[in-house]
Amino acid sequence: MQITERQELRERVNHALDTVRPHLAIDGGDVEIVEVTDDFVVKIKWLGNCQGCNMSEMTLRAGLEQAIKNSIPEIRSVEEWSEEG
């Protein structure tokens, strides 16, 4: 994937996340895109109160991934980024 394609895809993902961010903000949380890979996997990082929340996996699957895939069908999956890899 070329740099311009990756940037455009990242912007589209960010736009999709904007539909979910108000719900995260209610609980003092947010999400950041760490990477969009060449094989169309979005890696996210939880921010604020979303870090370590016991509902983060459900929010990831039912909220973030759903919103992103509905807007951008070519995205294969959304994964939580971790410093361990």
PDB file of N, CA and C in Angstrom:
ATOM      1  N   MET A   1       0.850  -1.168   0.000  1.00  0.00           N
ATOM      2  CA  MET A   1       0.000   0.000   0.000  1.00  0.00           C
ATOM      3  C   MET A   1       0.900   1.237   0.000  1.00  0.00           C
ATOM      4  N   GLN A   2       0.601   2.164  -0.877  1.00  0.00           N
ATOM      5  CA  GLN A   2       1.388   3.393  -0.953  1.00  0.00           C
ATOM      6  C   GLN A   2       1.050   4.320   0.214  1.00  0.00           C
ATOM      7  N   ILE A   3       1.947   5.253   0.466  1.00  0.00           N
ATOM      8  CA  ILE A   3       1.786   6.173   1.593  1.00  0.00           C
ATOM      9  C   ILE A   3       0.477   6.953   1.488  1.00  0.00           C
ATOM     10  N   THR A   4       0.166   7.460   0.294  1.00  0.00           N
ATOM     11  CA  THR A   4      -1.067   8.243   0.145  1.00  0.00           C
ATOM     12  C   THR A   4      -2.302   7.374   0.374  1.00  0.00           C
ATOM     13  N   GLU A   5      -2.265   6.126  -0.089  1.00  0.00           N
ATOM     14  CA  GLU A   5      -3.385   5.210   0.144  1.00  0.00           C
ATOM     15  C   GLU A   5      -3.545   4.925   1.636  1.00  0.00           C
ATOM     16  N   ARG A   6      -2.421   4.720   2.300  1.00  0.00           N
ATOM     17  CA  ARG A   6      -2.447   4.434   3.741  1.00  0.00           C
ATOM     18  C   ARG A   6      -3.002   5.640   4.504  1.00  0.00           C
ATOM     19  N   GLN A   7      -2.583   6.853   4.112  1.00  0.00           N
ATOM     20  CA  GLN A   7      -3.072   8.067   4.776  1.00  0.00           C
ATOM     21  C   GLN A   7      -4.571   8.240   4.566  1.00  0.00           C
ATOM     22  N   GLU A   8      -5.023   7.991   3.339  1.00  0.00           N
ATOM     23  CA  GLU A   8      -6.451   8.115   3.047  1.00  0.00           C
ATOM     24  C   GLU A   8      -7.253   7.090   3.845  1.00  0.00           C
ATOM     25  N   LEU A   9      -6.757   5.869   3.910  1.00  0.00           N
ATOM     26  CA  LEU A   9      -7.445   4.827   4.664  1.00  0.00           C
ATOM     27  C   LEU A   9      -7.481   5.176   6.150  1.00  0.00           C
ATOM     28  N   ARG A  10      -6.388   5.697   6.657  1.00  0.00           N
ATOM     29  CA  ARG A  10      -6.324   6.103   8.067  1.00  0.00           C
ATOM     30  C   ARG A  10      -7.350   7.205   8.353  1.00  0.00           C
ATOM     31  N   GLU A  11      -7.491   8.155   7.426  1.00  0.00           N
ATOM     32  CA  GLU A  11      -8.484   9.223   7.588  1.00  0.00           C
ATOM     33  C   GLU A  11      -9.899   8.654   7.598  1.00  0.00           C
ATOM     34  N   ARG A  12     -10.158   7.686   6.737  1.00  0.00           N
ATOM     35  CA  ARG A  12     -11.475   7.051   6.690  1.00  0.00           C
ATOM     36  C   ARG A  12     -11.768   6.301   7.989  1.00  0.00           C
ATOM     37  N   VAL A  13     -10.745   5.613   8.518  1.00  0.00           N
ATOM     38  CA  VAL A  13     -10.903   4.903   9.787  1.00  0.00           C
ATOM     39  C   VAL A  13     -11.179   5.908  10.905  1.00  0.00           C
ATOM     40  N   ASN A  14     -10.430   6.993  10.923  1.00  0.00           N
ATOM     41  CA  ASN A  14     -10.630   8.027  11.941  1.00  0.00           C
ATOM     42  C   ASN A  14     -12.048   8.584  11.877  1.00  0.00           C
ATOM     43  N   HIS A  15     -12.538   8.799  10.670  1.00  0.00           N
ATOM     44  CA  HIS A  15     -13.900   9.303  10.496  1.00  0.00           C
ATOM     45  C   HIS A  15     -14.914   8.298  11.060  1.00  0.00           C
ATOM     46  N   ALA A  16     -14.706   7.014  10.799  1.00  0.00           N
ATOM     47  CA  ALA A  16     -15.599   5.982  11.338  1.00  0.00           C
ATOM     48  C   ALA A  16     -15.535   5.964  12.864  1.00  0.00           C
ATOM     49  N   LEU A  17     -14.339   6.123  13.409  1.00  0.00           N
ATOM     50  CA  LEU A  17     -14.182   6.140  14.868  1.00  0.00           C
ATOM     51  C   LEU A  17     -14.864   7.350  15.497  1.00  0.00           C
ATOM     52  N   ASP A  18     -14.956   8.439  14.745  1.00  0.00           N
ATOM     53  CA  ASP A  18     -15.613   9.642  15.263  1.00  0.00           C
ATOM     54  C   ASP A  18     -17.073   9.382  15.631  1.00  0.00           C
ATOM     55  N   THR A  19     -17.684   8.368  15.017  1.00  0.00           N
ATOM     56  CA  THR A  19     -19.071   8.045  15.356  1.00  0.00           C
ATOM     57  C   THR A  19     -19.178   7.344  16.706  1.00  0.00           C
ATOM     58  N   VAL A  20     -18.077   6.743  17.166  1.00  0.00           N
ATOM     59  CA  VAL A  20     -18.063   5.990  18.422  1.00  0.00           C
ATOM     60  C   VAL A  20     -17.455   6.806  19.562  1.00  0.00           C
ATOM     61  N   ARG A  21     -16.593   7.734  19.228  1.00  0.00           N
ATOM     62  CA  ARG A  21     -15.866   8.500  20.251  1.00  0.00           C
ATOM     63  C   ARG A  21     -16.759   9.180  21.296  1.00  0.00           C
ATOM     64  N   PRO A  22     -17.898   9.751  20.920  1.00  0.00           N
ATOM     65  CA  PRO A  22     -18.743  10.371  21.957  1.00  0.00           C
ATOM     66  C   PRO A  22     -19.169   9.383  23.045  1.00  0.00           C
ATOM     67  N   HIS A  23     -19.399   8.137  22.669  1.00  0.00           N
ATOM     68  CA  HIS A  23     -19.783   7.116  23.645  1.00  0.00           C
ATOM     69  C   HIS A  23     -18.616   6.789  24.577  1.00  0.00           C
ATOM     70  N   LEU A  24     -17.415   6.765  24.027  1.00  0.00           N
ATOM     71  CA  LEU A  24     -16.224   6.518  24.846  1.00  0.00           C
ATOM     72  C   LEU A  24     -15.980   7.690  25.795  1.00  0.00           C
ATOM     73  N   ALA A  25     -16.205   8.890  25.279  1.00  0.00           N
ATOM     74  CA  ALA A  25     -15.941  10.101  26.062  1.00  0.00           C
ATOM     75  C   ALA A  25     -16.849  10.207  27.287  1.00  0.00           C
ATOM     76  N   ILE A  26     -18.038   9.641  27.199  1.00  0.00           N
ATOM     77  CA  ILE A  26     -18.959   9.664  28.343  1.00  0.00           C
ATOM     78  C   ILE A  26     -18.297   9.056  29.575  1.00  0.00           C
ATOM     79  N   ASP A  27     -17.505   8.016  29.346  1.00  0.00           N
ATOM     80  CA  ASP A  27     -16.814   7.343  30.451  1.00  0.00           C
ATOM     81  C   ASP A  27     -15.378   7.819  30.616  1.00  0.00           C
ATOM     82  N   GLY A  28     -15.020   8.912  29.938  1.00  0.00           N
ATOM     83  CA  GLY A  28     -13.682   9.468  30.081  1.00  0.00           C
ATOM     84  C   GLY A  28     -12.620   8.755  29.274  1.00  0.00           C
ATOM     85  N   GLY A  29     -13.023   8.114  28.188  1.00  0.00           N
ATOM     86  CA  GLY A  29     -12.071   7.369  27.369  1.00  0.00           C
ATOM     87  C   GLY A  29     -11.997   7.868  25.945  1.00  0.00           C
ATOM     88  N   ASP A  30     -11.092   7.273  25.204  1.00  0.00           N
ATOM     89  CA  ASP A  30     -10.921   7.578  23.785  1.00  0.00           C
ATOM     90  C   ASP A  30     -10.116   6.448  23.165  1.00  0.00           C
ATOM     91  N   VAL A  31      -9.884   6.556  21.880  1.00  0.00           N
ATOM     92  CA  VAL A  31      -9.132   5.553  21.146  1.00  0.00           C
ATOM     93  C   VAL A  31      -8.251   6.260  20.133  1.00  0.00           C
ATOM     94  N   GLU A  32      -7.108   5.679  19.853  1.00  0.00           N
ATOM     95  CA  GLU A  32      -6.146   6.247  18.905  1.00  0.00           C
ATOM     96  C   GLU A  32      -5.749   5.157  17.913  1.00  0.00           C
ATOM     97  N   ILE A  33      -5.618   5.528  16.652  1.00  0.00           N
ATOM     98  CA  ILE A  33      -5.129   4.590  15.647  1.00  0.00           C
ATOM     99  C   ILE A  33      -3.611   4.543  15.753  1.00  0.00           C
ATOM    100  N   VAL A  34      -3.076   3.352  15.934  1.00  0.00           N
ATOM    101  CA  VAL A  34      -1.632   3.172  15.986  1.00  0.00           C
ATOM    102  C   VAL A  34      -1.108   2.852  14.594  1.00  0.00           C
ATOM    103  N   GLU A  35      -1.847   2.009  13.874  1.00  0.00           N
ATOM    104  CA  GLU A  35      -1.360   1.547  12.577  1.00  0.00           C
ATOM    105  C   GLU A  35      -2.514   0.995  11.757  1.00  0.00           C
ATOM    106  N   VAL A  36      -2.408   1.146  10.441  1.00  0.00           N
ATOM    107  CA  VAL A  36      -3.248   0.422   9.500  1.00  0.00           C
ATOM    108  C   VAL A  36      -2.267  -0.362   8.643  1.00  0.00           C
ATOM    109  N   THR A  37      -2.327  -1.684   8.725  1.00  0.00           N
ATOM    110  CA  THR A  37      -1.332  -2.525   8.066  1.00  0.00           C
ATOM    111  C   THR A  37      -1.640  -2.703   6.583  1.00  0.00           C
ATOM    112  N   ASP A  38      -0.657  -3.224   5.861  1.00  0.00           N
ATOM    113  CA  ASP A  38      -0.828  -3.490   4.433  1.00  0.00           C
ATOM    114  C   ASP A  38      -1.914  -4.528   4.162  1.00  0.00           C
ATOM    115  N   ASP A  39      -2.183  -5.383   5.142  1.00  0.00           N
ATOM    116  CA  ASP A  39      -3.232  -6.383   4.957  1.00  0.00           C
ATOM    117  C   ASP A  39      -4.560  -5.950   5.599  1.00  0.00           C
ATOM    118  N   PHE A  40      -4.722  -4.618   5.755  1.00  0.00           N
ATOM    119  CA  PHE A  40      -5.992  -4.011   6.165  1.00  0.00           C
ATOM    120  C   PHE A  40      -6.443  -4.414   7.570  1.00  0.00           C
ATOM    121  N   VAL A  41      -5.489  -4.414   8.480  1.00  0.00           N
ATOM    122  CA  VAL A  41      -5.780  -4.613   9.896  1.00  0.00           C
ATOM    123  C   VAL A  41      -5.532  -3.284  10.599  1.00  0.00           C
ATOM    124  N   VAL A  42      -6.514  -2.834  11.366  1.00  0.00           N
ATOM    125  CA  VAL A  42      -6.389  -1.589  12.121  1.00  0.00           C
ATOM    126  C   VAL A  42      -5.948  -1.944  13.536  1.00  0.00           C
ATOM    127  N   LYS A  43      -4.884  -1.301  13.993  1.00  0.00           N
ATOM    128  CA  LYS A  43      -4.410  -1.505  15.362  1.00  0.00           C
ATOM    129  C   LYS A  43      -4.690  -0.228  16.144  1.00  0.00           C
ATOM    130  N   ILE A  44      -5.385  -0.400  17.267  1.00  0.00           N
ATOM    131  CA  ILE A  44      -5.799   0.751  18.070  1.00  0.00           C
ATOM    132  C   ILE A  44      -5.184   0.701  19.458  1.00  0.00           C
ATOM    133  N   LYS A  45      -5.148   1.867  20.074  1.00  0.00           N
ATOM    134  CA  LYS A  45      -4.675   1.987  21.453  1.00  0.00           C
ATOM    135  C   LYS A  45      -5.764   2.696  22.245  1.00  0.00           C
ATOM    136  N   TRP A  46      -6.124   2.115  23.383  1.00  0.00           N
ATOM    137  CA  TRP A  46      -7.104   2.738  24.262  1.00  0.00           C
ATOM    138  C   TRP A  46      -6.464   3.885  25.013  1.00  0.00           C
ATOM    139  N   LEU A  47      -7.239   4.935  25.241  1.00  0.00           N
ATOM    140  CA  LEU A  47      -6.774   6.103  25.987  1.00  0.00           C
ATOM    141  C   LEU A  47      -7.724   6.375  27.148  1.00  0.00           C
ATOM    142  N   GLY A  48      -7.221   7.091  28.136  1.00  0.00           N
ATOM    143  CA  GLY A  48      -8.053   7.487  29.273  1.00  0.00           C
ATOM    144  C   GLY A  48      -8.611   6.295  30.027  1.00  0.00           C
ATOM    145  N   ASN A  49      -9.869   6.407  30.426  1.00  0.00           N
ATOM    146  CA  ASN A  49     -10.504   5.355  31.214  1.00  0.00           C
ATOM    147  C   ASN A  49     -10.740   4.063  30.440  1.00  0.00           C
ATOM    148  N   CYS A  50     -10.556   4.084  29.130  1.00  0.00           N
ATOM    149  CA  CYS A  50     -10.713   2.858  28.347  1.00  0.00           C
ATOM    150  C   CYS A  50      -9.541   1.897  28.567  1.00  0.00           C
ATOM    151  N   GLN A  51      -8.404   2.434  28.986  1.00  0.00           N
ATOM    152  CA  GLN A  51      -7.242   1.588  29.258  1.00  0.00           C
ATOM    153  C   GLN A  51      -7.550   0.678  30.437  1.00  0.00           C
ATOM    154  N   GLY A  52      -7.458  -0.609  30.213  1.00  0.00           N
ATOM    155  CA  GLY A  52      -7.673  -1.563  31.289  1.00  0.00           C
ATOM    156  C   GLY A  52      -9.123  -1.799  31.671  1.00  0.00           C
ATOM    157  N   CYS A  53     -10.048  -1.200  30.955  1.00  0.00           N
ATOM    158  CA  CYS A  53     -11.471  -1.384  31.256  1.00  0.00           C
ATOM    159  C   CYS A  53     -11.884  -2.820  30.932  1.00  0.00           C
ATOM    160  N   ASN A  54     -12.696  -3.415  31.804  1.00  0.00           N
ATOM    161  CA  ASN A  54     -13.117  -4.795  31.568  1.00  0.00           C
ATOM    162  C   ASN A  54     -14.129  -4.922  30.429  1.00  0.00           C
ATOM    163  N   MET A  55     -14.614  -3.823  29.910  1.00  0.00           N
ATOM    164  CA  MET A  55     -15.550  -3.841  28.779  1.00  0.00           C
ATOM    165  C   MET A  55     -14.860  -3.527  27.451  1.00  0.00           C
ATOM    166  N   SER A  56     -13.553  -3.346  27.469  1.00  0.00           N
ATOM    167  CA  SER A  56     -12.854  -2.899  26.260  1.00  0.00           C
ATOM    168  C   SER A  56     -12.945  -3.903  25.115  1.00  0.00           C
ATOM    169  N   GLU A  57     -12.905  -5.200  25.393  1.00  0.00           N
ATOM    170  CA  GLU A  57     -13.004  -6.195  24.320  1.00  0.00           C
ATOM    171  C   GLU A  57     -14.372  -6.136  23.659  1.00  0.00           C
ATOM    172  N   MET A  58     -15.420  -6.021  24.449  1.00  0.00           N
ATOM    173  CA  MET A  58     -16.765  -5.919  23.890  1.00  0.00           C
ATOM    174  C   MET A  58     -16.912  -4.622  23.094  1.00  0.00           C
ATOM    175  N   THR A  59     -16.384  -3.537  23.624  1.00  0.00           N
ATOM    176  CA  THR A  59     -16.432  -2.255  22.924  1.00  0.00           C
ATOM    177  C   THR A  59     -15.660  -2.334  21.619  1.00  0.00           C
ATOM    178  N   LEU A  60     -14.534  -3.029  21.637  1.00  0.00           N
ATOM    179  CA  LEU A  60     -13.728  -3.188  20.429  1.00  0.00           C
ATOM    180  C   LEU A  60     -14.520  -3.916  19.355  1.00  0.00           C
ATOM    181  N   ARG A  61     -15.113  -5.048  19.693  1.00  0.00           N
ATOM    182  CA  ARG A  61     -15.832  -5.873  18.707  1.00  0.00           C
ATOM    183  C   ARG A  61     -17.179  -5.269  18.299  1.00  0.00           C
ATOM    184  N   ALA A  62     -17.992  -4.906  19.274  1.00  0.00           N
ATOM    185  CA  ALA A  62     -19.357  -4.460  18.975  1.00  0.00           C
ATOM    186  C   ALA A  62     -19.445  -2.985  18.618  1.00  0.00           C
ATOM    187  N   GLY A  63     -18.447  -2.217  18.999  1.00  0.00           N
ATOM    188  CA  GLY A  63     -18.475  -0.782  18.725  1.00  0.00           C
ATOM    189  C   GLY A  63     -17.512  -0.375  17.637  1.00  0.00           C
ATOM    190  N   LEU A  64     -16.230  -0.428  17.955  1.00  0.00           N
ATOM    191  CA  LEU A  64     -15.215   0.068  17.020  1.00  0.00           C
ATOM    192  C   LEU A  64     -15.152  -0.739  15.734  1.00  0.00           C
ATOM    193  N   GLU A  65     -14.981  -2.056  15.865  1.00  0.00           N
ATOM    194  CA  GLU A  65     -14.829  -2.886  14.669  1.00  0.00           C
ATOM    195  C   GLU A  65     -16.066  -2.804  13.787  1.00  0.00           C
ATOM    196  N   GLN A  66     -17.229  -2.834  14.403  1.00  0.00           N
ATOM    197  CA  GLN A  66     -18.484  -2.741  13.652  1.00  0.00           C
ATOM    198  C   GLN A  66     -18.568  -1.417  12.891  1.00  0.00           C
ATOM    199  N   ALA A  67     -18.268  -0.313  13.558  1.00  0.00           N
ATOM    200  CA  ALA A  67     -18.335   1.006  12.921  1.00  0.00           C
ATOM    201  C   ALA A  67     -17.343   1.110  11.767  1.00  0.00           C
ATOM    202  N   ILE A  68     -16.137   0.609  11.985  1.00  0.00           N
ATOM    203  CA  ILE A  68     -15.105   0.688  10.944  1.00  0.00           C
ATOM    204  C   ILE A  68     -15.471  -0.188   9.755  1.00  0.00           C
ATOM    205  N   LYS A  69     -15.851  -1.435   9.999  1.00  0.00           N
ATOM    206  CA  LYS A  69     -16.175  -2.353   8.899  1.00  0.00           C
ATOM    207  C   LYS A  69     -17.425  -1.912   8.137  1.00  0.00           C
ATOM    208  N   ASN A  70     -18.379  -1.306   8.829  1.00  0.00           N
ATOM    209  CA  ASN A  70     -19.568  -0.805   8.133  1.00  0.00           C
ATOM    210  C   ASN A  70     -19.206   0.317   7.171  1.00  0.00           C
ATOM    211  N   SER A  71     -18.245   1.148   7.538  1.00  0.00           N
ATOM    212  CA  SER A  71     -17.827   2.266   6.692  1.00  0.00           C
ATOM    213  C   SER A  71     -16.778   1.866   5.665  1.00  0.00           C
ATOM    214  N   ILE A  72     -15.934   0.895   6.037  1.00  0.00           N
ATOM    215  CA  ILE A  72     -14.794   0.526   5.194  1.00  0.00           C
ATOM    216  C   ILE A  72     -14.734  -0.999   5.105  1.00  0.00           C
ATOM    217  N   PRO A  73     -15.494  -1.597   4.196  1.00  0.00           N
ATOM    218  CA  PRO A  73     -15.587  -3.060   4.124  1.00  0.00           C
ATOM    219  C   PRO A  73     -14.254  -3.775   3.872  1.00  0.00           C
ATOM    220  N   GLU A  74     -13.293  -3.086   3.294  1.00  0.00           N
ATOM    221  CA  GLU A  74     -12.013  -3.742   3.007  1.00  0.00           C
ATOM    222  C   GLU A  74     -11.175  -3.989   4.263  1.00  0.00           C
ATOM    223  N   ILE A  75     -11.541  -3.376   5.378  1.00  0.00           N
ATOM    224  CA  ILE A  75     -10.827  -3.629   6.636  1.00  0.00           C
ATOM    225  C   ILE A  75     -11.141  -5.053   7.084  1.00  0.00           C
ATOM    226  N   ARG A  76     -10.091  -5.827   7.342  1.00  0.00           N
ATOM    227  CA  ARG A  76     -10.253  -7.233   7.735  1.00  0.00           C
ATOM    228  C   ARG A  76     -10.540  -7.396   9.216  1.00  0.00           C
ATOM    229  N   SER A  77      -9.839  -6.622  10.052  1.00  0.00           N
ATOM    230  CA  SER A  77     -10.064  -6.733  11.492  1.00  0.00           C
ATOM    231  C   SER A  77      -9.531  -5.501  12.204  1.00  0.00           C
ATOM    232  N   VAL A  78      -9.949  -5.380  13.453  1.00  0.00           N
ATOM    233  CA  VAL A  78      -9.470  -4.310  14.326  1.00  0.00           C
ATOM    234  C   VAL A  78      -8.905  -4.997  15.559  1.00  0.00           C
ATOM    235  N   GLU A  79      -7.682  -4.637  15.915  1.00  0.00           N
ATOM    236  CA  GLU A  79      -7.002  -5.284  17.030  1.00  0.00           C
ATOM    237  C   GLU A  79      -6.482  -4.240  18.002  1.00  0.00           C
ATOM    238  N   GLU A  80      -6.424  -4.635  19.257  1.00  0.00           N
ATOM    239  CA  GLU A  80      -5.832  -3.772  20.268  1.00  0.00           C
ATOM    240  C   GLU A  80      -4.320  -3.884  20.176  1.00  0.00           C
ATOM    241  N   TRP A  81      -3.651  -2.757  20.086  1.00  0.00           N
ATOM    242  CA  TRP A  81      -2.192  -2.713  20.028  1.00  0.00           C
ATOM    243  C   TRP A  81      -1.643  -2.875  21.432  1.00  0.00           C
ATOM    244  N   SER A  82      -0.572  -3.611  21.522  1.00  0.00           N
ATOM    245  CA  SER A  82       0.092  -3.711  22.819  1.00  0.00           C
ATOM    246  C   SER A  82       1.587  -3.531  22.612  1.00  0.00           C
ATOM    247  N   GLU A  83       2.236  -2.993  23.603  1.00  0.00           N
ATOM    248  CA  GLU A  83       3.673  -2.748  23.505  1.00  0.00           C
ATOM    249  C   GLU A  83       4.456  -4.043  23.392  1.00  0.00           C
ATOM    250  N   GLU A  84       3.870  -5.144  23.855  1.00  0.00           N
ATOM    251  CA  GLU A  84       4.540  -6.434  23.764  1.00  0.00           C
ATOM    252  C   GLU A  84       4.553  -6.965  22.339  1.00  0.00           C
ATOM    253  N   GLY A  85       3.694  -6.404  21.477  1.00  0.00           N
ATOM    254  CA  GLY A  85       3.660  -6.846  20.099  1.00  0.00           C
ATOM    255  C   GLY A  85       2.335  -7.367  19.782  1.00  0.00           C
TER     256      GLY A  85
END
